[in-house]
Amino acid sequence: QVQLVESGGGLVQPGGSLRLSCAASGITFKLYAMGWYRQAPGKQRELVASITSDGSTNYVESVKGRFTIFRDNAKNTAHLQMNSLAPEDTAVYYCNAKFSGGRGLNYWGQGTQVGVSS
């Protein structure tokens, strides 16, 4: 059974930092691209950052220079370091795993809430 378990969400003040973690089980982690998505109330889910199986990263423009995605294949974990958080970063953040070989293998975590407010 595939599980993606997120942790690290919370409430912070503007300018603060959080690190989200995603622990994966039930998949050959190193073969999956990992992504962090977010969904704010009333908005569509958007891709925030992704990292391929070989470590290439991609970010949505609004988080470039503030967020960093990285992975630890030995521990089957993916992380999103979020610095200089702003109120517009408030959302539920979801971890995603997509098999690099296609086949439609795509998994989601349950989400973790991030709130940025003074």
N, C-alpha and C. Protein backbone atom coordinates (compact mmCIF):
# COMPACT_ATOMS: atom_id res chain seq x y z
N GLN A 1 0.85 -1.19 0.00
CA GLN A 1 0.00 0.00 0.00
C GLN A 1 0.89 1.25 0.00
N VAL A 2 0.59 2.16 -0.91
CA VAL A 2 1.38 3.37 -1.02
C VAL A 2 0.88 4.40 -0.01
N GLN A 3 1.82 5.00 0.69
CA GLN A 3 1.46 6.08 1.62
C GLN A 3 2.44 7.23 1.46
N LEU A 4 1.88 8.41 1.42
CA LEU A 4 2.67 9.64 1.48
C LEU A 4 2.17 10.41 2.69
N VAL A 5 3.03 10.64 3.64
CA VAL A 5 2.62 11.28 4.89
C VAL A 5 3.37 12.58 5.04
N GLU A 6 2.60 13.68 5.02
CA GLU A 6 3.21 15.00 5.17
C GLU A 6 3.27 15.41 6.63
N SER A 7 4.22 16.23 6.93
CA SER A 7 4.33 16.80 8.26
C SER A 7 5.04 18.14 8.16
N GLY A 8 4.96 18.92 9.23
CA GLY A 8 5.71 20.17 9.29
C GLY A 8 4.90 21.43 9.07
N GLY A 9 3.61 21.29 8.79
CA GLY A 9 2.80 22.48 8.62
C GLY A 9 2.56 23.19 9.94
N GLY A 10 1.98 24.36 9.86
CA GLY A 10 1.70 25.12 11.07
C GLY A 10 1.38 26.56 10.75
N LEU A 11 1.34 27.35 11.80
CA LEU A 11 1.05 28.78 11.68
C LEU A 11 2.30 29.58 12.02
N VAL A 12 2.68 30.45 11.11
CA VAL A 12 3.86 31.29 11.34
C VAL A 12 3.55 32.74 10.99
N GLN A 13 4.38 33.63 11.46
CA GLN A 13 4.25 35.04 11.11
C GLN A 13 4.91 35.31 9.76
N PRO A 14 4.49 36.37 9.10
CA PRO A 14 5.16 36.74 7.85
C PRO A 14 6.66 36.88 8.05
N GLY A 15 7.41 36.36 7.09
CA GLY A 15 8.86 36.35 7.19
C GLY A 15 9.42 35.12 7.83
N GLY A 16 8.56 34.30 8.39
CA GLY A 16 9.01 33.10 9.06
C GLY A 16 9.32 31.96 8.11
N SER A 17 9.70 30.84 8.69
CA SER A 17 10.10 29.67 7.90
C SER A 17 9.40 28.43 8.41
N LEU A 18 9.21 27.50 7.51
CA LEU A 18 8.72 26.16 7.84
C LEU A 18 9.40 25.17 6.91
N ARG A 19 9.54 23.96 7.38
CA ARG A 19 10.01 22.88 6.52
C ARG A 19 8.94 21.79 6.50
N LEU A 20 8.45 21.51 5.33
CA LEU A 20 7.51 20.41 5.15
C LEU A 20 8.28 19.15 4.79
N SER A 21 7.79 18.04 5.29
CA SER A 21 8.39 16.75 4.97
C SER A 21 7.33 15.80 4.46
N CYS A 22 7.74 14.93 3.57
CA CYS A 22 6.86 13.90 3.01
C CYS A 22 7.59 12.57 3.11
N ALA A 23 7.03 11.68 3.88
CA ALA A 23 7.61 10.34 4.04
C ALA A 23 6.83 9.37 3.17
N ALA A 24 7.53 8.69 2.28
CA ALA A 24 6.89 7.78 1.34
C ALA A 24 7.15 6.33 1.71
N SER A 25 6.15 5.51 1.49
CA SER A 25 6.30 4.07 1.68
C SER A 25 5.47 3.36 0.62
N GLY A 26 5.89 2.15 0.30
CA GLY A 26 5.15 1.36 -0.67
C GLY A 26 5.51 1.63 -2.13
N ILE A 27 6.51 2.47 -2.35
CA ILE A 27 6.98 2.75 -3.70
C ILE A 27 8.51 2.66 -3.73
N THR A 28 9.04 2.47 -4.93
CA THR A 28 10.50 2.56 -5.11
C THR A 28 10.81 4.03 -5.29
N PHE A 29 11.08 4.66 -4.18
CA PHE A 29 11.10 6.12 -4.10
C PHE A 29 12.01 6.76 -5.14
N LYS A 30 13.17 6.20 -5.36
CA LYS A 30 14.15 6.83 -6.24
C LYS A 30 13.67 6.90 -7.69
N LEU A 31 12.62 6.15 -8.02
CA LEU A 31 12.09 6.14 -9.37
C LEU A 31 10.95 7.15 -9.58
N TYR A 32 10.65 7.90 -8.54
CA TYR A 32 9.52 8.82 -8.59
C TYR A 32 9.98 10.27 -8.55
N ALA A 33 9.36 11.08 -9.39
CA ALA A 33 9.47 12.53 -9.24
C ALA A 33 8.56 12.93 -8.09
N MET A 34 9.03 13.87 -7.29
CA MET A 34 8.25 14.33 -6.14
C MET A 34 7.86 15.79 -6.33
N GLY A 35 6.68 16.09 -5.90
CA GLY A 35 6.21 17.46 -6.04
C GLY A 35 5.46 17.92 -4.81
N TRP A 36 5.46 19.22 -4.62
CA TRP A 36 4.64 19.85 -3.59
C TRP A 36 3.63 20.77 -4.29
N TYR A 37 2.38 20.54 -3.99
CA TYR A 37 1.30 21.35 -4.51
C TYR A 37 0.66 22.08 -3.34
N ARG A 38 -0.09 23.12 -3.66
CA ARG A 38 -0.85 23.78 -2.61
C ARG A 38 -2.20 24.23 -3.16
N GLN A 39 -3.13 24.32 -2.22
CA GLN A 39 -4.47 24.77 -2.58
C GLN A 39 -4.98 25.71 -1.52
N ALA A 40 -5.20 26.93 -1.91
CA ALA A 40 -5.75 27.94 -1.01
C ALA A 40 -7.27 27.93 -1.14
N PRO A 41 -7.99 28.40 -0.15
CA PRO A 41 -9.45 28.42 -0.22
C PRO A 41 -9.94 29.16 -1.45
N GLY A 42 -10.82 28.51 -2.20
CA GLY A 42 -11.40 29.13 -3.38
C GLY A 42 -10.50 29.15 -4.59
N LYS A 43 -9.34 28.52 -4.49
CA LYS A 43 -8.41 28.52 -5.62
C LYS A 43 -8.11 27.11 -6.06
N GLN A 44 -7.60 27.01 -7.28
CA GLN A 44 -7.22 25.70 -7.80
C GLN A 44 -5.89 25.25 -7.19
N ARG A 45 -5.72 23.96 -7.15
CA ARG A 45 -4.45 23.41 -6.68
C ARG A 45 -3.37 23.77 -7.69
N GLU A 46 -2.22 24.20 -7.17
CA GLU A 46 -1.12 24.58 -8.05
C GLU A 46 0.16 23.87 -7.64
N LEU A 47 0.99 23.60 -8.62
CA LEU A 47 2.29 23.01 -8.36
C LEU A 47 3.22 24.10 -7.85
N VAL A 48 3.80 23.86 -6.69
CA VAL A 48 4.72 24.82 -6.08
C VAL A 48 6.16 24.51 -6.46
N ALA A 49 6.53 23.26 -6.34
CA ALA A 49 7.90 22.85 -6.61
C ALA A 49 7.92 21.37 -6.92
N SER A 50 8.88 20.97 -7.73
CA SER A 50 9.03 19.56 -8.05
C SER A 50 10.51 19.22 -8.18
N ILE A 51 10.78 17.95 -7.99
CA ILE A 51 12.15 17.45 -8.13
C ILE A 51 12.07 16.10 -8.81
N THR A 52 12.85 15.94 -9.86
CA THR A 52 12.82 14.69 -10.61
C THR A 52 13.62 13.61 -9.88
N SER A 53 13.57 12.42 -10.43
CA SER A 53 14.29 11.31 -9.81
C SER A 53 15.80 11.55 -9.85
N ASP A 54 16.27 12.36 -10.79
CA ASP A 54 17.71 12.63 -10.85
C ASP A 54 18.08 13.96 -10.22
N GLY A 55 17.10 14.60 -9.56
CA GLY A 55 17.42 15.78 -8.75
C GLY A 55 17.19 17.13 -9.41
N SER A 56 16.67 17.16 -10.60
CA SER A 56 16.36 18.45 -11.24
C SER A 56 15.14 19.07 -10.59
N THR A 57 15.20 20.36 -10.36
CA THR A 57 14.12 21.04 -9.63
C THR A 57 13.42 22.07 -10.50
N ASN A 58 12.19 22.37 -10.10
CA ASN A 58 11.40 23.37 -10.80
C ASN A 58 10.50 24.05 -9.77
N TYR A 59 10.30 25.36 -9.93
CA TYR A 59 9.51 26.12 -8.98
C TYR A 59 8.53 27.03 -9.70
N VAL A 60 7.40 27.25 -9.07
CA VAL A 60 6.51 28.28 -9.55
C VAL A 60 7.17 29.62 -9.28
N GLU A 61 6.94 30.58 -10.15
CA GLU A 61 7.65 31.85 -10.09
C GLU A 61 7.51 32.53 -8.72
N SER A 62 6.36 32.43 -8.11
CA SER A 62 6.09 33.16 -6.88
C SER A 62 6.91 32.68 -5.68
N VAL A 63 7.53 31.51 -5.78
CA VAL A 63 8.30 31.00 -4.64
C VAL A 63 9.79 30.91 -4.93
N LYS A 64 10.18 31.25 -6.13
CA LYS A 64 11.61 31.17 -6.48
C LYS A 64 12.43 32.07 -5.56
N GLY A 65 13.52 31.51 -5.06
CA GLY A 65 14.37 32.26 -4.16
C GLY A 65 13.95 32.17 -2.70
N ARG A 66 12.75 31.65 -2.45
CA ARG A 66 12.26 31.53 -1.08
C ARG A 66 12.09 30.07 -0.64
N PHE A 67 11.68 29.22 -1.57
CA PHE A 67 11.43 27.82 -1.26
C PHE A 67 12.51 26.96 -1.91
N THR A 68 12.81 25.86 -1.25
CA THR A 68 13.75 24.89 -1.78
C THR A 68 13.19 23.49 -1.59
N ILE A 69 13.14 22.74 -2.68
CA ILE A 69 12.71 21.35 -2.60
C ILE A 69 13.95 20.46 -2.66
N PHE A 70 13.96 19.43 -1.84
CA PHE A 70 15.06 18.48 -1.90
C PHE A 70 14.55 17.12 -1.45
N ARG A 71 15.33 16.10 -1.73
CA ARG A 71 14.92 14.75 -1.42
C ARG A 71 16.07 13.97 -0.83
N ASP A 72 15.71 12.94 -0.08
CA ASP A 72 16.69 12.02 0.49
C ASP A 72 16.25 10.62 0.09
N ASN A 73 16.86 10.09 -0.95
CA ASN A 73 16.45 8.78 -1.46
C ASN A 73 16.75 7.66 -0.46
N ALA A 74 17.72 7.86 0.39
CA ALA A 74 18.05 6.83 1.38
C ALA A 74 16.96 6.72 2.45
N LYS A 75 16.27 7.83 2.70
CA LYS A 75 15.24 7.84 3.73
C LYS A 75 13.82 7.89 3.15
N ASN A 76 13.72 7.86 1.83
CA ASN A 76 12.42 7.92 1.16
C ASN A 76 11.62 9.15 1.59
N THR A 77 12.30 10.27 1.64
CA THR A 77 11.63 11.51 2.05
C THR A 77 11.88 12.63 1.06
N ALA A 78 10.92 13.51 0.99
CA ALA A 78 11.04 14.75 0.22
C ALA A 78 10.67 15.90 1.14
N HIS A 79 11.31 17.03 0.90
CA HIS A 79 11.12 18.16 1.81
C HIS A 79 10.92 19.44 1.02
N LEU A 80 10.24 20.36 1.66
CA LEU A 80 10.10 21.69 1.09
C LEU A 80 10.47 22.70 2.18
N GLN A 81 11.61 23.33 2.01
CA GLN A 81 12.04 24.38 2.92
C GLN A 81 11.44 25.69 2.45
N MET A 82 10.67 26.31 3.32
CA MET A 82 9.96 27.54 2.95
C MET A 82 10.45 28.67 3.84
N ASN A 83 11.08 29.65 3.21
CA ASN A 83 11.58 30.83 3.92
C ASN A 83 10.83 32.07 3.47
N SER A 84 10.97 33.11 4.24
CA SER A 84 10.33 34.39 3.91
C SER A 84 8.86 34.20 3.56
N LEU A 85 8.18 33.47 4.39
CA LEU A 85 6.77 33.17 4.13
C LEU A 85 5.92 34.43 4.16
N ALA A 86 4.93 34.45 3.30
CA ALA A 86 4.03 35.58 3.16
C ALA A 86 2.59 35.08 3.30
N PRO A 87 1.67 35.98 3.63
CA PRO A 87 0.27 35.54 3.79
C PRO A 87 -0.28 34.80 2.56
N GLU A 88 0.19 35.15 1.40
CA GLU A 88 -0.31 34.48 0.19
C GLU A 88 0.19 33.05 0.05
N ASP A 89 1.09 32.64 0.91
CA ASP A 89 1.53 31.25 0.93
C ASP A 89 0.59 30.36 1.75
N THR A 90 -0.37 30.96 2.40
CA THR A 90 -1.33 30.19 3.20
C THR A 90 -2.13 29.25 2.31
N ALA A 91 -2.09 27.98 2.65
CA ALA A 91 -2.77 26.97 1.84
C ALA A 91 -2.60 25.61 2.51
N VAL A 92 -3.31 24.64 1.98
CA VAL A 92 -3.02 23.25 2.30
C VAL A 92 -1.98 22.76 1.30
N TYR A 93 -0.91 22.20 1.79
CA TYR A 93 0.18 21.73 0.95
C TYR A 93 0.12 20.20 0.85
N TYR A 94 0.22 19.73 -0.38
CA TYR A 94 0.11 18.30 -0.66
C TYR A 94 1.40 17.79 -1.28
N CYS A 95 1.79 16.63 -0.84
CA CYS A 95 2.92 15.92 -1.43
C CYS A 95 2.40 15.03 -2.56
N ASN A 96 3.17 14.97 -3.63
CA ASN A 96 2.79 14.14 -4.78
C ASN A 96 3.98 13.32 -5.24
N ALA A 97 3.71 12.10 -5.61
CA ALA A 97 4.74 11.22 -6.17
C ALA A 97 4.28 10.72 -7.52
N LYS A 98 5.09 10.94 -8.54
CA LYS A 98 4.74 10.53 -9.90
C LYS A 98 5.85 9.65 -10.45
N PHE A 99 5.44 8.45 -10.89
CA PHE A 99 6.42 7.50 -11.40
C PHE A 99 7.10 8.06 -12.64
N SER A 100 8.42 7.99 -12.67
CA SER A 100 9.17 8.58 -13.77
C SER A 100 8.96 7.82 -15.08
N GLY A 101 8.52 6.57 -14.98
CA GLY A 101 8.29 5.78 -16.17
C GLY A 101 6.88 5.87 -16.70
N GLY A 102 6.11 6.80 -16.20
CA GLY A 102 4.74 6.97 -16.67
C GLY A 102 3.80 5.97 -16.05
N ARG A 103 3.02 5.28 -16.87
CA ARG A 103 2.07 4.25 -16.44
C ARG A 103 0.95 4.82 -15.58
N GLY A 104 0.89 6.13 -15.48
CA GLY A 104 -0.21 6.71 -14.71
C GLY A 104 -0.10 6.53 -13.21
N LEU A 105 1.08 6.16 -12.72
CA LEU A 105 1.26 5.96 -11.28
C LEU A 105 1.51 7.31 -10.64
N ASN A 106 0.55 7.75 -9.86
CA ASN A 106 0.55 9.10 -9.31
C ASN A 106 -0.14 9.05 -7.95
N TYR A 107 0.55 9.48 -6.92
CA TYR A 107 0.01 9.35 -5.57
C TYR A 107 0.05 10.69 -4.83
N TRP A 108 -0.89 10.81 -3.88
CA TRP A 108 -1.02 12.04 -3.12
C TRP A 108 -1.01 11.77 -1.62
N GLY A 109 -0.47 12.73 -0.89
CA GLY A 109 -0.60 12.70 0.55
C GLY A 109 -1.91 13.34 0.96
N GLN A 110 -2.12 13.39 2.27
CA GLN A 110 -3.39 13.88 2.79
C GLN A 110 -3.41 15.40 2.96
N GLY A 111 -2.25 16.02 2.88
CA GLY A 111 -2.16 17.46 2.98
C GLY A 111 -1.80 17.93 4.38
N THR A 112 -1.13 19.07 4.43
CA THR A 112 -0.78 19.69 5.70
C THR A 112 -1.03 21.19 5.57
N GLN A 113 -1.62 21.76 6.59
CA GLN A 113 -2.02 23.16 6.54
C GLN A 113 -0.85 24.07 6.89
N VAL A 114 -0.68 25.08 6.06
CA VAL A 114 0.30 26.14 6.33
C VAL A 114 -0.45 27.46 6.41
N GLY A 115 -0.28 28.16 7.50
CA GLY A 115 -0.90 29.45 7.67
C GLY A 115 0.15 30.51 7.96
N VAL A 116 0.03 31.65 7.29
CA VAL A 116 0.97 32.75 7.50
C VAL A 116 0.17 33.99 7.85
N SER A 117 0.32 34.42 9.08
CA SER A 117 -0.49 35.54 9.55
C SER A 117 0.19 36.20 10.73
N SER A 118 0.00 37.50 10.82
CA SER A 118 0.52 38.23 11.97
C SER A 118 -0.54 38.32 13.08
